[in-house]
N, C-alpha and C. Protein backbone atom coordinates (compact mmCIF):
# COMPACT_ATOMS: atom_id res chain seq x y z
N GLN A 1 -33.24 143.75 50.47
CA GLN A 1 -33.57 144.91 51.14
C GLN A 1 -32.96 145.43 52.12
N VAL A 2 -33.65 147.13 52.24
CA VAL A 2 -32.81 147.40 53.32
C VAL A 2 -34.11 147.52 54.47
N GLN A 3 -33.67 147.49 56.02
CA GLN A 3 -34.85 147.96 57.21
C GLN A 3 -34.31 149.11 57.56
N LEU A 4 -34.88 150.35 57.93
CA LEU A 4 -35.03 151.00 58.38
C LEU A 4 -35.83 151.49 60.22
N VAL A 5 -34.98 151.54 60.98
CA VAL A 5 -36.04 151.36 62.31
C VAL A 5 -35.64 153.23 62.87
N GLU A 6 -36.83 153.17 63.26
CA GLU A 6 -36.62 154.92 63.87
C GLU A 6 -36.98 155.17 65.20
N SER A 7 -36.41 155.69 65.45
CA SER A 7 -36.80 156.19 66.78
C SER A 7 -37.13 157.78 67.40
N GLY A 8 -37.07 157.69 68.61
CA GLY A 8 -37.18 159.50 69.26
C GLY A 8 -38.24 160.13 68.77
N GLY A 9 -39.17 160.23 68.25
CA GLY A 9 -40.48 160.54 67.93
C GLY A 9 -41.06 160.78 69.51
N GLY A 10 -41.90 162.00 69.64
CA GLY A 10 -42.60 162.00 70.88
C GLY A 10 -43.39 163.17 70.54
N LEU A 11 -43.75 163.95 72.19
CA LEU A 11 -44.67 164.68 72.76
C LEU A 11 -43.45 166.01 73.33
N VAL A 12 -43.88 167.52 72.88
CA VAL A 12 -42.71 167.83 73.02
C VAL A 12 -43.62 169.62 73.11
N HIS A 13 -43.28 170.40 74.25
CA HIS A 13 -43.94 171.85 73.51
C HIS A 13 -42.67 172.97 72.22
N ALA A 14 -43.94 173.92 72.41
CA ALA A 14 -43.54 174.59 70.95
C ALA A 14 -41.94 175.47 71.66
N GLY A 15 -41.48 175.21 71.19
CA GLY A 15 -39.84 175.94 71.60
C GLY A 15 -38.59 175.36 71.80
N GLY A 16 -39.31 173.44 71.94
CA GLY A 16 -38.89 172.51 72.43
C GLY A 16 -37.52 172.04 71.66
N SER A 17 -36.96 171.18 71.71
CA SER A 17 -35.62 170.24 70.82
C SER A 17 -36.70 168.90 71.03
N LEU A 18 -36.09 168.42 69.88
CA LEU A 18 -36.06 166.28 69.91
C LEU A 18 -35.38 166.30 68.60
N SER A 19 -34.79 164.95 69.06
CA SER A 19 -34.34 164.38 68.30
C SER A 19 -34.15 163.07 67.52
N LEU A 20 -34.13 162.69 66.12
CA LEU A 20 -34.61 161.35 65.86
C LEU A 20 -33.27 160.83 65.54
N SER A 21 -33.43 159.45 65.26
CA SER A 21 -32.56 158.66 64.75
C SER A 21 -33.27 157.70 63.92
N CYS A 22 -32.26 157.16 62.88
CA CYS A 22 -33.04 156.20 61.50
C CYS A 22 -31.92 155.04 61.65
N THR A 23 -31.54 153.99 61.52
CA THR A 23 -30.42 153.00 61.38
C THR A 23 -30.99 152.07 60.63
N ALA A 24 -29.99 151.89 59.69
CA ALA A 24 -29.84 151.03 58.41
C ALA A 24 -29.64 149.69 58.66
N SER A 25 -30.23 148.97 57.69
CA SER A 25 -30.04 147.63 57.80
C SER A 25 -29.75 147.21 56.51
N GLY A 26 -29.11 146.14 56.80
CA GLY A 26 -29.78 144.53 55.76
C GLY A 26 -28.72 144.70 54.29
N ALA A 27 -29.50 145.20 53.26
CA ALA A 27 -28.45 145.45 52.14
C ALA A 27 -27.76 147.27 51.65
N ILE A 28 -27.11 147.34 53.10
CA ILE A 28 -26.78 148.94 53.12
C ILE A 28 -25.85 149.54 51.97
N LYS A 29 -25.00 148.76 50.98
CA LYS A 29 -24.42 148.79 50.92
C LYS A 29 -24.74 149.80 49.48
N SER A 30 -26.08 149.64 48.75
CA SER A 30 -26.77 149.78 48.24
C SER A 30 -27.37 151.56 48.46
N VAL A 31 -27.32 151.82 49.61
CA VAL A 31 -27.77 153.54 50.13
C VAL A 31 -26.78 154.17 49.76
N TYR A 32 -27.55 154.99 48.66
CA TYR A 32 -26.17 156.23 48.41
C TYR A 32 -26.57 157.70 49.84
N ALA A 33 -27.82 157.21 49.89
CA ALA A 33 -27.93 158.90 51.38
C ALA A 33 -29.24 158.11 51.63
N MET A 34 -29.05 158.98 53.05
CA MET A 34 -30.47 158.72 54.04
C MET A 34 -31.11 159.73 54.24
N GLY A 35 -32.15 160.05 54.93
CA GLY A 35 -32.79 161.27 54.98
C GLY A 35 -33.68 161.06 56.14
N TRP A 36 -34.97 162.43 55.98
CA TRP A 36 -36.58 162.27 56.87
C TRP A 36 -37.17 163.20 56.21
N TYR A 37 -38.31 162.99 55.67
CA TYR A 37 -39.78 163.10 55.22
C TYR A 37 -40.56 162.96 56.11
N ARG A 38 -41.45 164.30 55.42
CA ARG A 38 -42.58 164.30 57.12
C ARG A 38 -43.46 164.45 56.34
N GLN A 39 -44.96 164.14 56.60
CA GLN A 39 -46.69 163.87 56.51
C GLN A 39 -47.22 164.26 56.83
N ILE A 40 -47.89 165.93 57.42
CA ILE A 40 -48.94 165.94 57.82
C ILE A 40 -50.32 165.01 57.08
N PRO A 41 -51.43 165.01 57.69
CA PRO A 41 -52.47 164.42 57.43
C PRO A 41 -52.91 165.31 55.89
N GLY A 42 -53.52 165.12 55.01
CA GLY A 42 -54.27 165.81 54.10
C GLY A 42 -53.19 166.20 53.14
N GLN A 43 -52.01 166.57 53.22
CA GLN A 43 -50.95 166.94 53.00
C GLN A 43 -49.61 165.94 52.28
N GLU A 44 -49.13 166.45 51.19
CA GLU A 44 -48.18 165.86 50.78
C GLU A 44 -46.98 165.78 51.20
N ARG A 45 -46.04 164.43 51.20
CA ARG A 45 -44.67 164.02 52.09
C ARG A 45 -43.81 165.49 51.25
N GLU A 46 -43.05 165.37 53.08
CA GLU A 46 -42.37 166.81 52.19
C GLU A 46 -40.51 166.25 52.39
N LEU A 47 -39.90 166.83 52.29
CA LEU A 47 -38.41 166.26 52.22
C LEU A 47 -38.19 167.74 53.59
N VAL A 48 -37.68 167.24 54.58
CA VAL A 48 -37.45 167.51 55.95
C VAL A 48 -35.63 168.05 55.55
N ALA A 49 -34.93 166.82 55.37
CA ALA A 49 -33.50 166.77 55.61
C ALA A 49 -33.37 165.56 54.85
N ARG A 50 -31.71 166.04 54.21
CA ARG A 50 -31.30 164.28 53.59
C ARG A 50 -29.90 164.37 53.65
N ILE A 51 -29.30 163.32 53.82
CA ILE A 51 -27.79 163.63 53.50
C ILE A 51 -27.11 162.40 52.63
N THR A 52 -26.43 163.22 51.92
CA THR A 52 -25.35 162.17 51.13
C THR A 52 -24.27 161.40 51.97
N ASN A 53 -23.79 160.26 51.18
CA ASN A 53 -22.93 158.95 51.34
C ASN A 53 -21.35 160.85 51.84
N ASN A 54 -21.36 161.31 50.90
CA ASN A 54 -20.10 162.34 50.79
C ASN A 54 -20.67 163.56 51.51
N GLY A 55 -21.73 163.47 52.27
CA GLY A 55 -21.79 164.54 53.58
C GLY A 55 -22.42 165.90 52.67
N VAL A 56 -22.88 165.35 52.27
CA VAL A 56 -23.92 167.16 51.56
C VAL A 56 -25.09 167.10 52.00
N ALA A 57 -25.76 168.08 52.63
CA ALA A 57 -27.03 167.92 53.03
C ALA A 57 -27.62 169.22 52.62
N THR A 58 -29.11 168.83 52.65
CA THR A 58 -30.20 169.55 51.47
C THR A 58 -31.45 169.29 52.81
N TYR A 59 -31.79 170.80 53.22
CA TYR A 59 -33.16 170.55 53.85
C TYR A 59 -34.57 170.81 53.30
N GLY A 60 -35.38 171.45 53.31
CA GLY A 60 -36.63 171.98 53.46
C GLY A 60 -36.33 173.18 53.92
N ASP A 61 -37.26 174.59 53.22
CA ASP A 61 -37.21 175.16 53.09
C ASP A 61 -38.03 175.81 54.54
N SER A 62 -38.69 175.10 55.32
CA SER A 62 -39.63 175.72 56.77
C SER A 62 -39.00 174.82 57.39
N VAL A 63 -37.19 174.30 57.63
CA VAL A 63 -36.57 173.63 58.75
C VAL A 63 -35.42 173.80 58.47
N LYS A 64 -35.01 174.56 57.43
CA LYS A 64 -33.46 175.71 57.80
C LYS A 64 -33.45 176.44 58.73
N GLY A 65 -32.11 175.84 59.81
CA GLY A 65 -31.53 177.47 59.85
C GLY A 65 -32.07 176.43 61.77
N ARG A 66 -32.93 175.29 61.70
CA ARG A 66 -34.01 174.95 62.81
C ARG A 66 -33.70 173.73 63.10
N PHE A 67 -33.52 172.81 62.09
CA PHE A 67 -33.04 171.30 61.99
C PHE A 67 -32.23 170.84 61.16
N SER A 68 -31.44 170.06 62.00
CA SER A 68 -29.88 169.55 61.40
C SER A 68 -29.92 168.32 61.59
N ILE A 69 -29.25 167.96 59.94
CA ILE A 69 -28.75 165.97 60.05
C ILE A 69 -27.66 166.41 60.44
N SER A 70 -27.41 164.64 60.18
CA SER A 70 -25.55 164.18 61.06
C SER A 70 -25.68 162.85 59.85
N LYS A 71 -24.86 162.25 59.99
CA LYS A 71 -24.79 160.99 60.59
C LYS A 71 -23.39 160.42 60.75
N ASP A 72 -23.92 158.91 61.43
CA ASP A 72 -22.49 157.71 61.36
C ASP A 72 -23.14 156.57 60.72
N LYS A 73 -21.38 156.80 59.70
CA LYS A 73 -21.38 155.69 58.84
C LYS A 73 -21.27 154.57 58.77
N ASP A 74 -20.98 154.24 60.25
CA ASP A 74 -20.48 153.28 60.57
C ASP A 74 -20.72 152.28 61.67
N LYS A 75 -22.52 153.37 61.54
CA LYS A 75 -23.41 152.34 62.28
C LYS A 75 -24.93 152.80 60.96
N MET A 76 -24.22 153.42 60.58
CA MET A 76 -25.24 153.91 59.49
C MET A 76 -26.54 154.08 59.77
N THR A 77 -26.29 155.13 60.69
CA THR A 77 -27.42 155.44 61.39
C THR A 77 -27.63 156.96 60.59
N VAL A 78 -28.51 157.92 60.80
CA VAL A 78 -28.21 159.42 60.19
C VAL A 78 -29.57 160.14 61.64
N TYR A 79 -29.27 160.83 61.89
CA TYR A 79 -30.10 161.44 62.65
C TYR A 79 -30.61 162.95 62.57
N LEU A 80 -31.55 163.66 63.31
CA LEU A 80 -32.16 164.31 62.84
C LEU A 80 -32.19 165.62 64.14
N GLN A 81 -31.48 166.70 64.44
CA GLN A 81 -31.78 167.54 65.53
C GLN A 81 -32.71 168.54 65.56
N MET A 82 -33.69 168.39 66.11
CA MET A 82 -34.71 169.07 65.75
C MET A 82 -34.78 170.54 66.96
N SER A 83 -34.67 171.36 66.37
CA SER A 83 -34.91 172.92 67.81
C SER A 83 -36.09 173.78 67.03
N SER A 84 -36.11 174.59 68.01
CA SER A 84 -37.34 175.57 67.87
C SER A 84 -38.34 174.89 67.35
N LEU A 85 -39.26 173.98 67.71
CA LEU A 85 -39.95 173.13 67.79
C LEU A 85 -41.36 173.66 67.28
N ARG A 86 -41.90 173.95 66.05
CA ARG A 86 -43.37 174.88 66.18
C ARG A 86 -44.55 173.88 65.99
N PRO A 87 -45.32 173.75 66.62
CA PRO A 87 -46.57 173.41 66.17
C PRO A 87 -46.90 172.45 64.80
N GLU A 88 -46.55 174.02 63.73
CA GLU A 88 -46.19 173.06 62.38
C GLU A 88 -45.87 172.16 62.19
N ASP A 89 -45.12 171.82 62.80
CA ASP A 89 -43.84 170.56 62.52
C ASP A 89 -44.29 169.33 63.16
N THR A 90 -45.88 169.54 63.75
CA THR A 90 -46.84 167.81 63.90
C THR A 90 -46.71 166.98 62.76
N ALA A 91 -46.14 166.26 62.93
CA ALA A 91 -46.43 165.37 61.86
C ALA A 91 -46.06 163.75 61.59
N VAL A 92 -46.31 163.03 61.41
CA VAL A 92 -45.23 161.51 61.40
C VAL A 92 -44.41 161.97 60.25
N TYR A 93 -43.17 160.97 60.50
CA TYR A 93 -41.51 161.75 59.74
C TYR A 93 -40.83 160.19 60.00
N TYR A 94 -40.61 160.31 58.30
CA TYR A 94 -40.19 158.91 57.99
C TYR A 94 -38.70 158.89 57.32
N CYS A 95 -38.17 157.96 57.82
CA CYS A 95 -36.49 157.76 57.50
C CYS A 95 -36.85 157.52 55.87
N ASN A 96 -36.02 158.00 55.01
CA ASN A 96 -35.74 157.50 53.29
C ASN A 96 -34.40 157.22 53.22
N ALA A 97 -34.09 155.92 52.71
CA ALA A 97 -32.66 155.49 51.91
C ALA A 97 -32.97 155.47 50.15
N PRO A 98 -33.04 156.31 50.20
CA PRO A 98 -32.90 156.32 48.33
C PRO A 98 -31.79 154.93 48.00
N SER A 99 -31.79 153.81 47.26
CA SER A 99 -30.68 152.70 46.88
C SER A 99 -30.30 152.74 44.63
N VAL A 100 -29.35 151.94 44.96
CA VAL A 100 -29.11 151.50 43.82
C VAL A 100 -29.76 150.30 43.33
N MET A 101 -30.65 149.55 42.31
CA MET A 101 -30.90 148.30 42.65
C MET A 101 -30.05 148.24 41.01
N THR A 102 -29.27 147.09 41.28
CA THR A 102 -29.00 146.70 40.14
C THR A 102 -30.00 146.11 38.63
N GLY A 103 -30.11 146.68 37.82
CA GLY A 103 -30.95 146.21 36.60
C GLY A 103 -31.94 147.61 36.62
N ARG A 104 -31.84 147.96 37.37
CA ARG A 104 -32.82 149.05 37.58
C ARG A 104 -32.53 150.54 36.93
N PRO A 105 -32.70 151.04 36.75
CA PRO A 105 -32.45 152.49 35.82
C PRO A 105 -32.84 153.79 36.82
N GLU A 106 -33.62 153.43 37.89
CA GLU A 106 -33.70 154.84 38.12
C GLU A 106 -33.52 154.05 40.14
N PRO A 107 -33.65 154.71 41.01
CA PRO A 107 -33.25 154.72 42.31
C PRO A 107 -34.37 154.27 43.19
N PHE A 108 -34.27 153.32 44.23
CA PHE A 108 -35.90 152.69 44.50
C PHE A 108 -35.63 153.21 46.10
N ASP A 109 -36.56 153.67 47.12
CA ASP A 109 -36.55 154.13 47.82
C ASP A 109 -37.14 153.56 48.60
N TYR A 110 -36.56 153.30 49.91
CA TYR A 110 -37.24 152.45 50.91
C TYR A 110 -37.25 153.61 52.51
N TRP A 111 -38.39 152.59 52.41
CA TRP A 111 -39.01 153.56 53.77
C TRP A 111 -39.11 153.20 55.42
N GLY A 112 -38.70 153.94 56.57
CA GLY A 112 -39.56 153.21 57.60
C GLY A 112 -40.25 153.38 57.95
N PRO A 113 -41.14 152.72 59.10
CA PRO A 113 -42.54 152.65 58.94
C PRO A 113 -43.40 154.40 59.73
N GLY A 114 -42.04 154.97 60.02
CA GLY A 114 -42.81 156.52 61.23
C GLY A 114 -42.91 156.41 61.77
N THR A 115 -42.30 157.97 62.67
CA THR A 115 -42.76 158.22 64.06
C THR A 115 -43.14 159.94 64.37
N GLN A 116 -44.36 159.46 65.10
CA GLN A 116 -45.20 160.68 65.59
C GLN A 116 -44.67 161.47 65.81
N VAL A 117 -44.02 163.25 65.34
CA VAL A 117 -44.14 164.04 66.38
C VAL A 117 -44.83 165.31 66.73
N THR A 118 -45.31 165.33 67.91
CA THR A 118 -46.34 166.10 68.25
C THR A 118 -45.54 167.45 68.66
N VAL A 119 -45.69 169.25 68.60
CA VAL A 119 -45.48 169.71 69.25
C VAL A 119 -46.67 170.33 69.61
N SER A 120 -46.75 170.48 71.06
CA SER A 120 -47.95 171.71 71.91
C SER A 120 -47.65 172.57 71.56
N SER A 121 -48.31 173.75 71.54
CA SER A 121 -48.51 175.26 71.74
C SER A 121 -48.82 175.66 73.24
């Protein structure tokens, strides 16, 4: 199994910045990417940003140019730097780690417990 520990959530004013981090432990050799999703109540969980082991980053359309994802492979930690935050960014942010499972035809997604980010106007 893979365990994900998130930190950095909190309250910030619109226009401000906030950084999130997520550290993976356990069967980390199975992890081939790490990223962040967010969920607003009543809405589907959506991709925020993801980075592969090769360093290729993908961003959701709503955060492009404002958020930046990075990783420290030695620490098995992924970071999300959020800038120019808007009230619409208020959500629970979840760390995600897709993993290769022996004997399974498809990757398995591990999830962190989520951390609340609230942007006030």
